[in-house]
């Protein structure tokens, strides 16, 4: 999907620029690799995981990641905040994961920083047992830090980081959100 003639994933690439040393994108086909390669930063690595299961996709991403920490982001979140990303990384030292909470106080597993090795091991365990998703993976981790909505609102007052485009209506909302507010 495109927002203002730009693929949603391109917004995510722009958001992480300067915050990450490597970019790994998990896709489900060679066709997606070809499509996304057209606008992805040249150093982007692609991993194909065909199941469509979020935990399996995260597992493959963690397996491909070379850094101590991995930032897990959805492809359809065009308003990811660099300030929030920076906060997550700043809070990650000595933690197995740093997970923000959304405005409805739910953990946002897909916009979090993980200790790559620990997350890989936890994801592998949950996949082998066949009983869960990202929430179960996080349950296996020890030393998880949750970031409250009140902290995130200081950096992202409208909590736009957590807005994802899943429907045509969401796309219309995103277009409105791109329009600068008049004072």
N, C-alpha and C. Protein backbone atom coordinates (compact mmCIF):
# COMPACT_ATOMS: atom_id res chain seq x y z
N UNK A 1 0.84 -1.18 0.00
CA UNK A 1 0.00 0.00 0.00
C UNK A 1 0.88 1.24 0.00
N UNK A 2 0.35 2.27 -0.62
CA UNK A 2 1.09 3.53 -0.67
C UNK A 2 0.31 4.62 0.04
N UNK A 3 1.05 5.49 0.69
CA UNK A 3 0.52 6.66 1.35
C UNK A 3 1.20 7.85 0.69
N UNK A 4 0.40 8.68 0.05
CA UNK A 4 0.94 9.83 -0.70
C UNK A 4 2.02 9.37 -1.68
N UNK A 5 1.71 8.34 -2.44
CA UNK A 5 2.59 7.80 -3.49
C UNK A 5 3.90 7.23 -2.98
N UNK A 6 3.95 6.90 -1.70
CA UNK A 6 5.15 6.31 -1.12
C UNK A 6 4.73 5.04 -0.37
N UNK A 7 5.40 3.90 -0.63
CA UNK A 7 5.06 2.67 0.08
C UNK A 7 5.18 2.84 1.59
N UNK A 8 4.27 2.21 2.32
CA UNK A 8 4.28 2.31 3.79
C UNK A 8 5.63 1.90 4.37
N UNK A 9 6.22 0.86 3.82
CA UNK A 9 7.50 0.39 4.34
C UNK A 9 8.60 1.45 4.20
N UNK A 10 8.49 2.29 3.19
CA UNK A 10 9.49 3.34 3.00
C UNK A 10 9.46 4.33 4.18
N UNK A 11 8.29 4.59 4.73
CA UNK A 11 8.20 5.45 5.92
C UNK A 11 8.95 4.82 7.09
N UNK A 12 8.85 3.50 7.22
CA UNK A 12 9.54 2.80 8.31
C UNK A 12 11.05 2.88 8.09
N UNK A 13 11.50 2.68 6.85
CA UNK A 13 12.93 2.81 6.56
C UNK A 13 13.43 4.19 6.97
N UNK A 14 12.67 5.22 6.64
CA UNK A 14 13.07 6.59 6.97
C UNK A 14 13.10 6.80 8.48
N UNK A 15 12.15 6.20 9.20
CA UNK A 15 12.08 6.38 10.65
C UNK A 15 13.29 5.78 11.36
N UNK A 16 13.80 4.66 10.87
CA UNK A 16 14.90 3.98 11.57
C UNK A 16 16.27 4.48 11.12
N UNK A 17 16.31 5.26 10.07
CA UNK A 17 17.59 5.76 9.57
C UNK A 17 18.32 6.53 10.68
N UNK A 18 19.54 6.16 10.92
CA UNK A 18 20.34 6.81 11.94
C UNK A 18 20.21 6.16 13.32
N UNK A 19 19.27 5.24 13.47
CA UNK A 19 19.07 4.57 14.75
C UNK A 19 19.53 3.13 14.74
N UNK A 20 19.64 2.54 13.55
CA UNK A 20 20.02 1.13 13.45
C UNK A 20 21.24 0.99 12.55
N UNK A 21 22.01 -0.06 12.81
CA UNK A 21 23.21 -0.31 12.01
C UNK A 21 22.94 -1.28 10.87
N UNK A 22 21.85 -2.01 10.97
CA UNK A 22 21.48 -2.95 9.91
C UNK A 22 19.97 -2.99 9.82
N UNK A 23 19.48 -3.33 8.63
CA UNK A 23 18.04 -3.46 8.42
C UNK A 23 17.78 -4.82 7.80
N UNK A 24 16.93 -5.59 8.49
CA UNK A 24 16.51 -6.90 8.00
C UNK A 24 15.01 -6.84 7.82
N UNK A 25 14.54 -7.19 6.64
CA UNK A 25 13.11 -7.18 6.37
C UNK A 25 12.68 -8.62 6.09
N UNK A 26 11.67 -9.06 6.84
CA UNK A 26 11.14 -10.41 6.66
C UNK A 26 9.93 -10.31 5.75
N UNK A 27 9.98 -11.04 4.65
CA UNK A 27 8.90 -11.05 3.66
C UNK A 27 8.47 -12.49 3.42
N UNK A 28 7.40 -12.66 2.63
CA UNK A 28 6.93 -14.03 2.41
C UNK A 28 7.11 -14.53 0.99
N UNK A 29 7.81 -13.75 0.13
CA UNK A 29 8.01 -14.23 -1.23
C UNK A 29 9.18 -13.50 -1.91
N UNK A 30 9.69 -14.14 -2.95
CA UNK A 30 10.74 -13.50 -3.75
C UNK A 30 10.20 -12.26 -4.45
N UNK A 31 8.92 -12.28 -4.79
CA UNK A 31 8.30 -11.13 -5.45
C UNK A 31 8.33 -9.90 -4.53
N UNK A 32 8.09 -10.13 -3.24
CA UNK A 32 8.16 -9.01 -2.30
C UNK A 32 9.59 -8.49 -2.17
N UNK A 33 10.56 -9.38 -2.20
CA UNK A 33 11.96 -8.94 -2.17
C UNK A 33 12.23 -8.02 -3.35
N UNK A 34 11.80 -8.43 -4.53
CA UNK A 34 12.01 -7.61 -5.73
C UNK A 34 11.31 -6.26 -5.62
N UNK A 35 10.07 -6.28 -5.16
CA UNK A 35 9.29 -5.04 -5.04
C UNK A 35 9.92 -4.10 -4.03
N UNK A 36 10.24 -4.60 -2.85
CA UNK A 36 10.77 -3.75 -1.79
C UNK A 36 12.20 -3.32 -2.05
N UNK A 37 12.95 -4.11 -2.79
CA UNK A 37 14.33 -3.76 -3.12
C UNK A 37 14.41 -2.47 -3.92
N UNK A 38 13.34 -2.15 -4.62
CA UNK A 38 13.32 -0.95 -5.46
C UNK A 38 13.47 0.33 -4.64
N UNK A 39 13.00 0.33 -3.38
CA UNK A 39 13.06 1.55 -2.58
C UNK A 39 13.76 1.34 -1.22
N UNK A 40 14.17 0.13 -0.93
CA UNK A 40 14.85 -0.14 0.34
C UNK A 40 16.27 0.41 0.29
N UNK A 41 16.80 0.83 1.43
CA UNK A 41 18.22 1.21 1.46
C UNK A 41 19.08 0.06 0.93
N UNK A 42 20.15 0.38 0.25
CA UNK A 42 20.95 -0.62 -0.45
C UNK A 42 21.49 -1.73 0.45
N UNK A 43 21.75 -1.43 1.71
CA UNK A 43 22.31 -2.43 2.62
C UNK A 43 21.25 -3.32 3.27
N UNK A 44 19.99 -3.14 2.92
CA UNK A 44 18.90 -3.93 3.50
C UNK A 44 19.04 -5.39 3.11
N UNK A 45 18.88 -6.27 4.12
CA UNK A 45 18.86 -7.70 3.86
C UNK A 45 17.44 -8.20 3.98
N UNK A 46 17.07 -9.11 3.09
CA UNK A 46 15.73 -9.67 3.09
C UNK A 46 15.79 -11.14 3.47
N UNK A 47 14.80 -11.56 4.26
CA UNK A 47 14.67 -12.95 4.68
C UNK A 47 13.26 -13.37 4.30
N UNK A 48 13.15 -14.53 3.67
CA UNK A 48 11.83 -15.04 3.28
C UNK A 48 11.34 -16.03 4.32
N UNK A 49 10.14 -15.80 4.82
CA UNK A 49 9.47 -16.68 5.77
C UNK A 49 8.03 -16.77 5.30
N UNK A 50 7.63 -17.92 4.82
CA UNK A 50 6.36 -18.06 4.10
C UNK A 50 5.13 -18.34 4.95
N UNK A 51 5.27 -18.66 6.21
CA UNK A 51 4.10 -19.07 6.99
C UNK A 51 3.12 -17.94 7.27
N UNK A 52 3.62 -16.70 7.34
CA UNK A 52 2.75 -15.58 7.68
C UNK A 52 2.49 -15.47 9.18
N UNK A 53 3.12 -16.32 9.96
CA UNK A 53 2.99 -16.31 11.41
C UNK A 53 3.96 -15.28 11.99
N UNK A 54 3.46 -14.36 12.81
CA UNK A 54 4.31 -13.29 13.33
C UNK A 54 5.50 -13.80 14.13
N UNK A 55 5.28 -14.82 14.93
CA UNK A 55 6.39 -15.35 15.72
C UNK A 55 7.46 -15.96 14.81
N UNK A 56 7.03 -16.70 13.80
CA UNK A 56 7.99 -17.29 12.85
C UNK A 56 8.76 -16.20 12.12
N UNK A 57 8.05 -15.13 11.75
CA UNK A 57 8.71 -14.02 11.07
C UNK A 57 9.72 -13.35 11.99
N UNK A 58 9.32 -13.12 13.25
CA UNK A 58 10.25 -12.51 14.21
C UNK A 58 11.46 -13.41 14.42
N UNK A 59 11.23 -14.71 14.54
CA UNK A 59 12.32 -15.68 14.73
C UNK A 59 13.32 -15.57 13.59
N UNK A 60 12.84 -15.54 12.35
CA UNK A 60 13.74 -15.44 11.20
C UNK A 60 14.48 -14.11 11.19
N UNK A 61 13.81 -13.05 11.61
CA UNK A 61 14.47 -11.75 11.70
C UNK A 61 15.56 -11.75 12.76
N UNK A 62 15.25 -12.31 13.93
CA UNK A 62 16.26 -12.40 14.99
C UNK A 62 17.44 -13.25 14.54
N UNK A 63 17.15 -14.33 13.82
CA UNK A 63 18.21 -15.23 13.36
C UNK A 63 19.14 -14.50 12.38
N UNK A 64 18.57 -13.64 11.56
CA UNK A 64 19.37 -12.92 10.56
C UNK A 64 20.09 -11.71 11.14
N UNK A 65 19.59 -11.19 12.25
CA UNK A 65 20.17 -9.97 12.84
C UNK A 65 21.55 -10.26 13.42
N UNK A 66 22.45 -9.32 13.24
CA UNK A 66 23.81 -9.48 13.73
C UNK A 66 24.08 -8.66 14.99
N UNK A 67 23.24 -7.69 15.27
CA UNK A 67 23.47 -6.81 16.41
C UNK A 67 23.03 -7.42 17.73
N UNK A 68 23.51 -6.83 18.83
CA UNK A 68 23.11 -7.28 20.16
C UNK A 68 21.63 -7.05 20.40
N UNK A 69 21.10 -5.96 19.87
CA UNK A 69 19.69 -5.64 20.03
C UNK A 69 19.01 -5.58 18.66
N UNK A 70 17.73 -5.94 18.67
CA UNK A 70 16.95 -5.90 17.43
C UNK A 70 15.68 -5.10 17.69
N UNK A 71 15.42 -4.17 16.80
CA UNK A 71 14.20 -3.38 16.84
C UNK A 71 13.20 -4.05 15.91
N UNK A 72 12.09 -4.48 16.47
CA UNK A 72 11.06 -5.16 15.70
C UNK A 72 9.97 -4.15 15.39
N UNK A 73 9.69 -3.94 14.10
CA UNK A 73 8.68 -2.97 13.68
C UNK A 73 7.77 -3.57 12.61
N UNK A 74 6.50 -3.14 12.59
CA UNK A 74 5.61 -3.58 11.53
C UNK A 74 5.86 -2.75 10.27
N UNK A 75 5.56 -3.31 9.12
CA UNK A 75 5.78 -2.61 7.86
C UNK A 75 4.75 -1.51 7.63
N UNK A 76 3.63 -1.56 8.32
CA UNK A 76 2.50 -0.68 8.03
C UNK A 76 2.29 0.40 9.09
N UNK A 77 3.38 0.84 9.71
CA UNK A 77 3.32 1.89 10.73
C UNK A 77 4.08 3.11 10.22
N UNK A 78 3.42 3.95 9.43
CA UNK A 78 4.13 5.05 8.78
C UNK A 78 4.58 6.19 9.69
N UNK A 79 4.11 6.21 10.93
CA UNK A 79 4.43 7.33 11.81
C UNK A 79 5.31 6.94 12.99
N UNK A 80 6.09 5.89 12.82
CA UNK A 80 7.01 5.47 13.88
C UNK A 80 7.90 6.67 14.23
N UNK A 81 8.04 6.91 15.52
CA UNK A 81 8.79 8.07 15.99
C UNK A 81 10.25 7.73 16.27
N UNK A 82 11.14 8.53 15.72
CA UNK A 82 12.56 8.36 16.01
C UNK A 82 12.85 8.59 17.49
N UNK A 83 12.12 9.51 18.11
CA UNK A 83 12.31 9.75 19.54
C UNK A 83 11.93 8.53 20.36
N UNK A 84 10.86 7.85 19.97
CA UNK A 84 10.44 6.64 20.68
C UNK A 84 11.46 5.53 20.45
N UNK A 85 11.93 5.39 19.22
CA UNK A 85 12.96 4.39 18.92
C UNK A 85 14.19 4.63 19.79
N UNK A 86 14.62 5.88 19.86
CA UNK A 86 15.79 6.23 20.66
C UNK A 86 15.57 5.87 22.13
N UNK A 87 14.39 6.16 22.65
CA UNK A 87 14.07 5.82 24.04
C UNK A 87 14.15 4.31 24.26
N UNK A 88 13.59 3.54 23.34
CA UNK A 88 13.61 2.08 23.49
C UNK A 88 15.04 1.56 23.54
N UNK A 89 15.89 2.05 22.65
CA UNK A 89 17.29 1.62 22.67
C UNK A 89 17.99 2.09 23.95
N UNK A 90 17.73 3.32 24.38
CA UNK A 90 18.35 3.84 25.60
C UNK A 90 18.00 2.99 26.82
N UNK A 91 16.81 2.44 26.83
CA UNK A 91 16.34 1.66 27.98
C UNK A 91 16.66 0.17 27.87
N UNK A 92 17.33 -0.24 26.79
CA UNK A 92 17.51 -1.67 26.54
C UNK A 92 18.72 -2.30 27.21
N UNK A 93 19.65 -1.50 27.69
CA UNK A 93 20.86 -2.07 28.28
C UNK A 93 20.51 -2.92 29.50
N UNK A 94 20.97 -4.15 29.48
CA UNK A 94 20.73 -5.06 30.59
C UNK A 94 19.33 -5.66 30.62
N UNK A 95 18.54 -5.42 29.60
CA UNK A 95 17.18 -5.93 29.55
C UNK A 95 17.03 -6.91 28.40
N UNK A 96 16.14 -7.87 28.56
CA UNK A 96 15.89 -8.82 27.47
C UNK A 96 14.96 -8.22 26.42
N UNK A 97 14.18 -7.22 26.82
CA UNK A 97 13.29 -6.52 25.89
C UNK A 97 12.82 -5.22 26.51
N UNK A 98 12.54 -4.26 25.66
CA UNK A 98 11.90 -3.01 26.08
C UNK A 98 10.67 -2.87 25.20
N UNK A 99 9.52 -2.92 25.86
CA UNK A 99 8.25 -2.98 25.13
C UNK A 99 7.36 -1.82 25.56
N UNK A 100 6.97 -0.98 24.62
CA UNK A 100 6.04 0.10 24.97
C UNK A 100 4.62 -0.43 25.14
N UNK A 101 3.86 0.35 25.83
CA UNK A 101 2.43 0.05 25.96
C UNK A 101 1.67 1.07 25.11
N UNK A 102 0.62 0.60 24.47
CA UNK A 102 -0.21 1.45 23.62
C UNK A 102 -1.16 2.27 24.49
N UNK A 103 -1.89 3.22 23.91
CA UNK A 103 -2.83 4.03 24.70
C UNK A 103 -3.85 3.18 25.48
N UNK A 104 -4.18 1.99 24.99
CA UNK A 104 -5.13 1.14 25.72
C UNK A 104 -4.40 0.20 26.70
N UNK A 105 -3.13 0.52 26.98
CA UNK A 105 -2.30 -0.18 27.96
C UNK A 105 -1.94 -1.61 27.57
N UNK A 106 -1.98 -1.90 26.30
CA UNK A 106 -1.58 -3.22 25.80
C UNK A 106 -0.11 -3.17 25.39
N UNK A 107 0.64 -4.23 25.65
CA UNK A 107 2.03 -4.25 25.18
C UNK A 107 2.08 -4.27 23.66
N UNK A 108 3.01 -3.52 23.11
CA UNK A 108 3.17 -3.44 21.66
C UNK A 108 4.42 -4.22 21.27
N UNK A 109 4.26 -5.54 21.08
CA UNK A 109 5.38 -6.42 20.80
C UNK A 109 6.04 -6.13 19.46
N UNK A 110 5.30 -5.52 18.54
CA UNK A 110 5.84 -5.23 17.21
C UNK A 110 6.46 -3.85 17.09
N UNK A 111 6.61 -3.16 18.18
CA UNK A 111 7.37 -1.91 18.17
C UNK A 111 8.23 -1.89 19.43
N UNK A 112 9.13 -2.83 19.48
CA UNK A 112 9.92 -3.04 20.68
C UNK A 112 11.35 -3.38 20.33
N UNK A 113 12.22 -3.23 21.32
CA UNK A 113 13.62 -3.60 21.17
C UNK A 113 13.85 -4.86 22.00
N UNK A 114 14.53 -5.82 21.39
CA UNK A 114 14.80 -7.10 22.03
C UNK A 114 16.29 -7.37 22.07
N UNK A 115 16.75 -8.04 23.12
CA UNK A 115 18.08 -8.61 23.12
C UNK A 115 18.02 -9.73 22.09
N UNK A 116 18.75 -9.61 21.02
CA UNK A 116 18.61 -10.52 19.88
C UNK A 116 18.78 -11.98 20.28
N UNK A 117 19.83 -12.28 21.00
CA UNK A 117 20.11 -13.67 21.36
C UNK A 117 19.01 -14.25 22.26
N UNK A 118 18.63 -13.49 23.28
CA UNK A 118 17.59 -13.99 24.19
C UNK A 118 16.25 -14.15 23.47
N UNK A 119 15.91 -13.21 22.61
CA UNK A 119 14.65 -13.29 21.87
C UNK A 119 14.66 -14.48 20.91
N UNK A 120 15.80 -14.70 20.28
CA UNK A 120 15.93 -15.84 19.37
C UNK A 120 15.69 -17.15 20.11
N UNK A 121 16.33 -17.28 21.26
CA UNK A 121 16.16 -18.51 22.06
C UNK A 121 14.71 -18.68 22.53
N UNK A 122 14.09 -17.60 22.98
CA UNK A 122 12.70 -17.67 23.46
C UNK A 122 11.75 -17.99 22.31
N UNK A 123 11.97 -17.37 21.16
CA UNK A 123 11.11 -17.64 20.00
C UNK A 123 11.26 -19.08 19.56
N UNK A 124 12.49 -19.57 19.54
CA UNK A 124 12.73 -20.96 19.15
C UNK A 124 12.00 -21.92 20.08
N UNK A 125 12.08 -21.66 21.37
CA UNK A 125 11.41 -22.52 22.35
C UNK A 125 9.90 -22.54 22.12
N UNK A 126 9.30 -21.39 21.95
CA UNK A 126 7.85 -21.31 21.77
C UNK A 126 7.45 -21.97 20.45
N UNK A 127 8.23 -21.77 19.41
CA UNK A 127 7.93 -22.41 18.12
C UNK A 127 8.03 -23.93 18.23
N UNK A 128 9.06 -24.41 18.91
CA UNK A 128 9.21 -25.86 19.07
C UNK A 128 8.07 -26.47 19.86
N UNK A 129 7.59 -25.74 20.86
CA UNK A 129 6.47 -26.23 21.66
C UNK A 129 5.14 -26.07 20.93
N UNK A 130 5.13 -25.18 19.93
CA UNK A 130 3.94 -25.00 19.11
C UNK A 130 2.74 -24.42 19.84
N UNK A 131 3.00 -23.60 20.84
CA UNK A 131 1.86 -23.10 21.60
C UNK A 131 1.91 -21.61 21.88
N UNK A 132 2.00 -20.81 20.86
CA UNK A 132 1.94 -19.39 21.16
C UNK A 132 2.49 -18.51 20.08
N UNK A 133 2.41 -17.22 20.39
CA UNK A 133 2.88 -16.20 19.48
C UNK A 133 3.90 -15.32 20.17
N UNK A 134 3.95 -14.06 19.74
CA UNK A 134 4.91 -13.12 20.31
C UNK A 134 4.70 -12.93 21.80
N UNK A 135 3.44 -12.96 22.25
CA UNK A 135 3.19 -12.79 23.68
C UNK A 135 3.81 -13.91 24.49
N UNK A 136 3.75 -15.13 23.98
CA UNK A 136 4.37 -16.26 24.67
C UNK A 136 5.89 -16.16 24.63
N UNK A 137 6.43 -15.66 23.52
CA UNK A 137 7.87 -15.46 23.44
C UNK A 137 8.32 -14.48 24.52
N UNK A 138 7.61 -13.38 24.65
CA UNK A 138 7.96 -12.38 25.65
C UNK A 138 7.81 -12.96 27.06
N UNK A 139 6.82 -13.81 27.25
CA UNK A 139 6.62 -14.46 28.54
C UNK A 139 7.83 -15.31 28.93
N UNK A 140 8.54 -15.83 27.95
CA UNK A 140 9.74 -16.65 28.20
C UNK A 140 10.95 -15.81 28.58
N UNK A 141 10.91 -14.52 28.29
CA UNK A 141 12.04 -13.64 28.57
C UNK A 141 12.04 -13.20 30.03
N UNK A 142 13.22 -13.01 30.57
CA UNK A 142 13.37 -12.48 31.92
C UNK A 142 14.03 -11.11 31.81
N UNK A 143 13.55 -10.17 32.59
CA UNK A 143 14.13 -8.83 32.56
C UNK A 143 13.53 -7.96 31.47
N UNK A 144 12.22 -8.04 31.28
CA UNK A 144 11.53 -7.21 30.29
C UNK A 144 11.16 -5.88 30.95
N UNK A 145 11.44 -4.80 30.26
CA UNK A 145 11.05 -3.47 30.74
C UNK A 145 9.90 -2.97 29.87
N UNK A 146 8.82 -2.56 30.52
CA UNK A 146 7.67 -1.98 29.80
C UNK A 146 7.72 -0.47 29.96
N UNK A 147 7.48 0.23 28.87
CA UNK A 147 7.48 1.68 28.88
C UNK A 147 6.03 2.15 28.87
N UNK A 148 5.67 2.97 29.84
CA UNK A 148 4.27 3.38 29.98
C UNK A 148 3.87 4.42 28.94
N UNK A 149 2.59 4.48 28.73
CA UNK A 149 2.00 5.45 27.82
C UNK A 149 2.39 6.87 28.22
N UNK A 150 2.42 7.14 29.50
CA UNK A 150 2.74 8.50 29.96
C UNK A 150 4.13 8.94 29.52
N UNK A 151 5.08 8.03 29.51
CA UNK A 151 6.44 8.35 29.07
C UNK A 151 6.45 8.57 27.56
N UNK A 152 5.81 7.69 26.85
CA UNK A 152 5.81 7.79 25.38
C UNK A 152 5.09 9.04 24.92
N UNK A 153 4.03 9.43 25.61
CA UNK A 153 3.29 10.65 25.23
C UNK A 153 4.15 11.90 25.34
N UNK A 154 5.18 11.87 26.17
CA UNK A 154 6.07 13.02 26.26
C UNK A 154 6.86 13.20 24.96
N UNK A 155 7.09 12.10 24.26
CA UNK A 155 7.85 12.13 23.00
C UNK A 155 6.95 12.11 21.77
N UNK A 156 5.80 11.50 21.90
CA UNK A 156 4.86 11.32 20.79
C UNK A 156 3.45 11.62 21.33
N UNK A 157 3.14 12.93 21.50
CA UNK A 157 1.90 13.32 22.18
C UNK A 157 0.61 12.72 21.60
N UNK A 158 0.58 12.50 20.32
CA UNK A 158 -0.62 11.93 19.69
C UNK A 158 -0.55 10.41 19.58
N UNK A 159 0.55 9.82 20.07
CA UNK A 159 0.74 8.36 20.02
C UNK A 159 0.62 7.83 18.60
N UNK A 160 1.08 8.63 17.65
CA UNK A 160 0.99 8.24 16.24
C UNK A 160 1.87 7.03 15.90
N UNK A 161 2.91 6.81 16.70
CA UNK A 161 3.81 5.69 16.44
C UNK A 161 3.07 4.37 16.33
N UNK A 162 1.97 4.26 17.04
CA UNK A 162 1.25 2.99 17.11
C UNK A 162 0.14 2.86 16.08
N UNK A 163 -0.01 3.87 15.25
CA UNK A 163 -1.04 3.82 14.22
C UNK A 163 -0.55 2.94 13.08
N UNK A 164 -1.35 1.94 12.73
CA UNK A 164 -1.01 1.07 11.60
C UNK A 164 -2.09 1.14 10.55
N UNK A 165 -1.68 0.98 9.32
CA UNK A 165 -2.61 1.02 8.19
C UNK A 165 -2.94 -0.42 7.80
N UNK A 166 -4.18 -0.80 8.05
CA UNK A 166 -4.64 -2.15 7.73
C UNK A 166 -5.81 -2.17 6.76
N UNK A 167 -6.49 -1.06 6.62
CA UNK A 167 -7.70 -1.00 5.79
C UNK A 167 -7.68 0.27 4.95
N UNK A 168 -8.55 0.35 3.94
CA UNK A 168 -8.65 1.60 3.17
C UNK A 168 -9.02 2.80 4.06
N UNK A 169 -9.84 2.58 5.07
CA UNK A 169 -10.19 3.67 5.99
C UNK A 169 -8.96 4.14 6.76
N UNK A 170 -8.12 3.20 7.21
CA UNK A 170 -6.88 3.58 7.89
C UNK A 170 -5.99 4.42 6.97
N UNK A 171 -5.98 4.06 5.70
CA UNK A 171 -5.17 4.81 4.73
C UNK A 171 -5.68 6.25 4.62
N UNK A 172 -6.99 6.42 4.61
CA UNK A 172 -7.56 7.77 4.57
C UNK A 172 -7.20 8.54 5.84
N UNK A 173 -7.27 7.88 6.97
CA UNK A 173 -6.89 8.52 8.24
C UNK A 173 -5.43 8.94 8.19
N UNK A 174 -4.57 8.08 7.66
CA UNK A 174 -3.14 8.39 7.58
C UNK A 174 -2.89 9.61 6.70
N UNK A 175 -3.65 9.73 5.62
CA UNK A 175 -3.50 10.91 4.76
C UNK A 175 -3.83 12.18 5.52
N UNK A 176 -4.89 12.12 6.33
CA UNK A 176 -5.26 13.27 7.15
C UNK A 176 -4.15 13.55 8.17
N UNK A 177 -3.59 12.50 8.75
CA UNK A 177 -2.55 12.67 9.75
C UNK A 177 -1.28 13.28 9.17
N UNK A 178 -1.06 13.11 7.88
CA UNK A 178 0.11 13.71 7.22
C UNK A 178 -0.03 15.20 7.02
N UNK A 179 -1.26 15.68 7.00
CA UNK A 179 -1.52 17.09 6.78
C UNK A 179 -1.16 17.87 8.03
N UNK A 180 -0.30 18.86 7.92
CA UNK A 180 0.07 19.65 9.10
C UNK A 180 -1.14 20.32 9.73
N UNK A 181 -1.16 20.35 11.06
CA UNK A 181 -2.25 20.99 11.77
C UNK A 181 -2.11 22.51 11.67
N UNK A 182 -3.26 23.15 11.45
CA UNK A 182 -3.27 24.62 11.43
C UNK A 182 -3.40 25.12 12.85
N UNK A 183 -2.71 26.21 13.14
CA UNK A 183 -2.78 26.77 14.48
C UNK A 183 -3.67 27.98 14.49
